[in-house]
Amino acid sequence: MFGDMMGMMNKLKEAQKKVEETKERLHTVLIDEASNDGKLKVTITANRTLKTIDINEDLLADKEMLEDYLILTLNKAIEKATNINEAEIAAVAKEGMPNIPGL
């Protein structure tokens, strides 16, 4: 039983290491999102770090419209990044979990 416990602990440590490696890798996964008309483009990482914002000059004349564009486009990008992030982390965590009876 003690050997089984040590094996499970080692598997858990390996899984934790893989999750951390995946989190680091997700810093390099870029998600591009644009407004429907292409006047605003953003790039964020799968860890939801904003990398670039490209704003068409037409939007600079109207502060409220620019704010609306930013909110809508950033929220779409963040949603995509969150989905990728959660799926990747869940897959790595599930893969590394030991087979524990009853769980």
C-alpha atoms as a PDB file:
ATOM      1  CA  MET A   1       0.000   0.000   0.000  1.00  0.00           C
ATOM      2  CA  PHE A   2       2.840   2.396   0.868  1.00  0.00           C
ATOM      3  CA  GLY A   3       4.376   1.819  -2.583  1.00  0.00           C
ATOM      4  CA  ASP A   4       1.034   2.609  -4.208  1.00  0.00           C
ATOM      5  CA  MET A   5       0.799   5.805  -2.180  1.00  0.00           C
ATOM      6  CA  MET A   6       4.304   6.868  -3.217  1.00  0.00           C
ATOM      7  CA  GLY A   7       3.482   6.109  -6.843  1.00  0.00           C
ATOM      8  CA  MET A   8       0.337   8.232  -6.647  1.00  0.00           C
ATOM      9  CA  MET A   9       2.253  11.081  -5.013  1.00  0.00           C
ATOM     10  CA  ASN A  10       4.870  10.955  -7.776  1.00  0.00           C
ATOM     11  CA  LYS A  11       2.131  10.994 -10.425  1.00  0.00           C
ATOM     12  CA  LEU A  12       0.525  13.992  -8.751  1.00  0.00           C
ATOM     13  CA  LYS A  13       3.860  15.850  -8.694  1.00  0.00           C
ATOM     14  CA  GLU A  14       4.389  15.047 -12.375  1.00  0.00           C
ATOM     15  CA  ALA A  15       0.876  16.267 -13.181  1.00  0.00           C
ATOM     16  CA  GLN A  16       1.499  19.485 -11.270  1.00  0.00           C
ATOM     17  CA  LYS A  17       4.735  20.030 -13.181  1.00  0.00           C
ATOM     18  CA  LYS A  18       2.962  19.448 -16.508  1.00  0.00           C
ATOM     19  CA  VAL A  19       0.226  21.915 -15.551  1.00  0.00           C
ATOM     20  CA  GLU A  20       2.854  24.552 -14.752  1.00  0.00           C
ATOM     21  CA  GLU A  21       4.635  23.862 -18.060  1.00  0.00           C
ATOM     22  CA  THR A  22       1.321  24.190 -19.896  1.00  0.00           C
ATOM     23  CA  LYS A  23       0.616  27.508 -18.190  1.00  0.00           C
ATOM     24  CA  GLU A  24       4.007  28.772 -19.354  1.00  0.00           C
ATOM     25  CA  ARG A  25       3.383  27.531 -22.902  1.00  0.00           C
ATOM     26  CA  LEU A  26       0.014  29.294 -22.967  1.00  0.00           C
ATOM     27  CA  HIS A  27       1.890  32.600 -22.688  1.00  0.00           C
ATOM     28  CA  THR A  28       3.027  31.955 -26.262  1.00  0.00           C
ATOM     29  CA  VAL A  29      -0.387  30.988 -27.672  1.00  0.00           C
ATOM     30  CA  LEU A  30      -1.811  34.099 -29.345  1.00  0.00           C
ATOM     31  CA  ILE A  31      -5.485  34.773 -29.997  1.00  0.00           C
ATOM     32  CA  ASP A  32      -6.408  37.415 -32.548  1.00  0.00           C
ATOM     33  CA  GLU A  33      -9.849  39.000 -32.404  1.00  0.00           C
ATOM     34  CA  ALA A  34     -11.361  41.776 -34.488  1.00  0.00           C
ATOM     35  CA  SER A  35     -14.556  43.779 -34.449  1.00  0.00           C
ATOM     36  CA  ASN A  36     -17.125  42.723 -37.056  1.00  0.00           C
ATOM     37  CA  ASP A  37     -16.072  45.551 -39.389  1.00  0.00           C
ATOM     38  CA  GLY A  38     -12.347  45.115 -38.705  1.00  0.00           C
ATOM     39  CA  LYS A  39     -11.883  48.624 -37.279  1.00  0.00           C
ATOM     40  CA  LEU A  40     -10.483  47.270 -34.010  1.00  0.00           C
ATOM     41  CA  LYS A  41      -8.111  44.324 -33.669  1.00  0.00           C
ATOM     42  CA  VAL A  42      -6.618  42.877 -30.504  1.00  0.00           C
ATOM     43  CA  THR A  43      -4.181  40.083 -29.746  1.00  0.00           C
ATOM     44  CA  ILE A  44      -4.038  38.381 -26.357  1.00  0.00           C
ATOM     45  CA  THR A  45      -2.339  35.262 -25.033  1.00  0.00           C
ATOM     46  CA  ALA A  46      -4.206  32.173 -23.891  1.00  0.00           C
ATOM     47  CA  ASN A  47      -3.284  33.346 -20.383  1.00  0.00           C
ATOM     48  CA  ARG A  48      -5.317  36.494 -21.090  1.00  0.00           C
ATOM     49  CA  THR A  49      -2.426  38.941 -21.358  1.00  0.00           C
ATOM     50  CA  LEU A  50      -3.098  41.748 -23.819  1.00  0.00           C
ATOM     51  CA  LYS A  51      -0.361  41.948 -26.463  1.00  0.00           C
ATOM     52  CA  THR A  52      -1.575  44.381 -29.150  1.00  0.00           C
ATOM     53  CA  ILE A  53      -4.409  46.752 -29.967  1.00  0.00           C
ATOM     54  CA  ASP A  54      -4.880  48.132 -33.485  1.00  0.00           C
ATOM     55  CA  ILE A  55      -7.442  50.948 -33.733  1.00  0.00           C
ATOM     56  CA  ASN A  56      -8.691  52.359 -37.030  1.00  0.00           C
ATOM     57  CA  GLU A  57      -8.451  56.155 -37.059  1.00  0.00           C
ATOM     58  CA  ASP A  58     -12.211  56.429 -37.738  1.00  0.00           C
ATOM     59  CA  LEU A  59     -12.834  55.218 -34.189  1.00  0.00           C
ATOM     60  CA  LEU A  60     -10.634  57.876 -32.606  1.00  0.00           C
ATOM     61  CA  ALA A  61     -13.184  60.600 -33.371  1.00  0.00           C
ATOM     62  CA  ASP A  62     -15.908  59.012 -31.228  1.00  0.00           C
ATOM     63  CA  LYS A  63     -14.895  58.128 -27.670  1.00  0.00           C
ATOM     64  CA  GLU A  64     -18.107  56.257 -26.815  1.00  0.00           C
ATOM     65  CA  MET A  65     -17.984  54.173 -29.978  1.00  0.00           C
ATOM     66  CA  LEU A  66     -14.317  53.324 -29.337  1.00  0.00           C
ATOM     67  CA  GLU A  67     -15.133  52.258 -25.788  1.00  0.00           C
ATOM     68  CA  ASP A  68     -17.950  50.028 -27.069  1.00  0.00           C
ATOM     69  CA  TYR A  69     -15.647  48.465 -29.665  1.00  0.00           C
ATOM     70  CA  LEU A  70     -12.977  47.831 -27.032  1.00  0.00           C
ATOM     71  CA  ILE A  71     -15.412  46.211 -24.619  1.00  0.00           C
ATOM     72  CA  LEU A  72     -17.011  43.942 -27.225  1.00  0.00           C
ATOM     73  CA  THR A  73     -13.785  42.909 -28.948  1.00  0.00           C
ATOM     74  CA  LEU A  74     -11.781  42.388 -25.758  1.00  0.00           C
ATOM     75  CA  ASN A  75     -14.582  40.347 -24.196  1.00  0.00           C
ATOM     76  CA  LYS A  76     -14.704  38.074 -27.268  1.00  0.00           C
ATOM     77  CA  ALA A  77     -10.929  37.618 -27.142  1.00  0.00           C
ATOM     78  CA  ILE A  78     -10.945  36.933 -23.406  1.00  0.00           C
ATOM     79  CA  GLU A  79     -13.716  34.359 -23.803  1.00  0.00           C
ATOM     80  CA  LYS A  80     -11.749  32.522 -26.511  1.00  0.00           C
ATOM     81  CA  ALA A  81      -8.559  32.677 -24.435  1.00  0.00           C
ATOM     82  CA  THR A  82     -10.358  31.377 -21.347  1.00  0.00           C
ATOM     83  CA  ASN A  83     -11.824  28.448 -23.275  1.00  0.00           C
ATOM     84  CA  ILE A  84      -8.414  27.494 -24.672  1.00  0.00           C
ATOM     85  CA  ASN A  85      -6.733  27.943 -21.287  1.00  0.00           C
ATOM     86  CA  GLU A  86      -9.264  25.864 -19.372  1.00  0.00           C
ATOM     87  CA  ALA A  87      -9.321  23.075 -21.978  1.00  0.00           C
ATOM     88  CA  GLU A  88      -5.520  22.811 -22.072  1.00  0.00           C
ATOM     89  CA  ILE A  89      -5.102  22.839 -18.291  1.00  0.00           C
ATOM     90  CA  ALA A  90      -7.941  20.346 -17.777  1.00  0.00           C
ATOM     91  CA  ALA A  91      -6.500  17.956 -20.375  1.00  0.00           C
ATOM     92  CA  VAL A  92      -3.034  18.001 -18.796  1.00  0.00           C
ATOM     93  CA  ALA A  93      -4.405  17.681 -15.266  1.00  0.00           C
ATOM     94  CA  LYS A  94      -6.693  14.786 -16.194  1.00  0.00           C
ATOM     95  CA  GLU A  95      -3.905  13.003 -18.056  1.00  0.00           C
ATOM     96  CA  GLY A  96      -1.614  13.135 -15.047  1.00  0.00           C
ATOM     97  CA  MET A  97      -4.070  12.121 -12.359  1.00  0.00           C
ATOM     98  CA  PRO A  98      -3.465   8.725 -10.773  1.00  0.00           C
ATOM     99  CA  ASN A  99      -6.243   6.159 -10.950  1.00  0.00           C
ATOM    100  CA  ILE A 100      -7.697   6.370  -7.449  1.00  0.00           C
ATOM    101  CA  PRO A 101     -10.549   3.932  -6.817  1.00  0.00           C
ATOM    102  CA  GLY A 102     -13.763   5.612  -5.754  1.00  0.00           C
ATOM    103  CA  LEU A 103     -12.964   9.005  -7.320  1.00  0.00           C
END
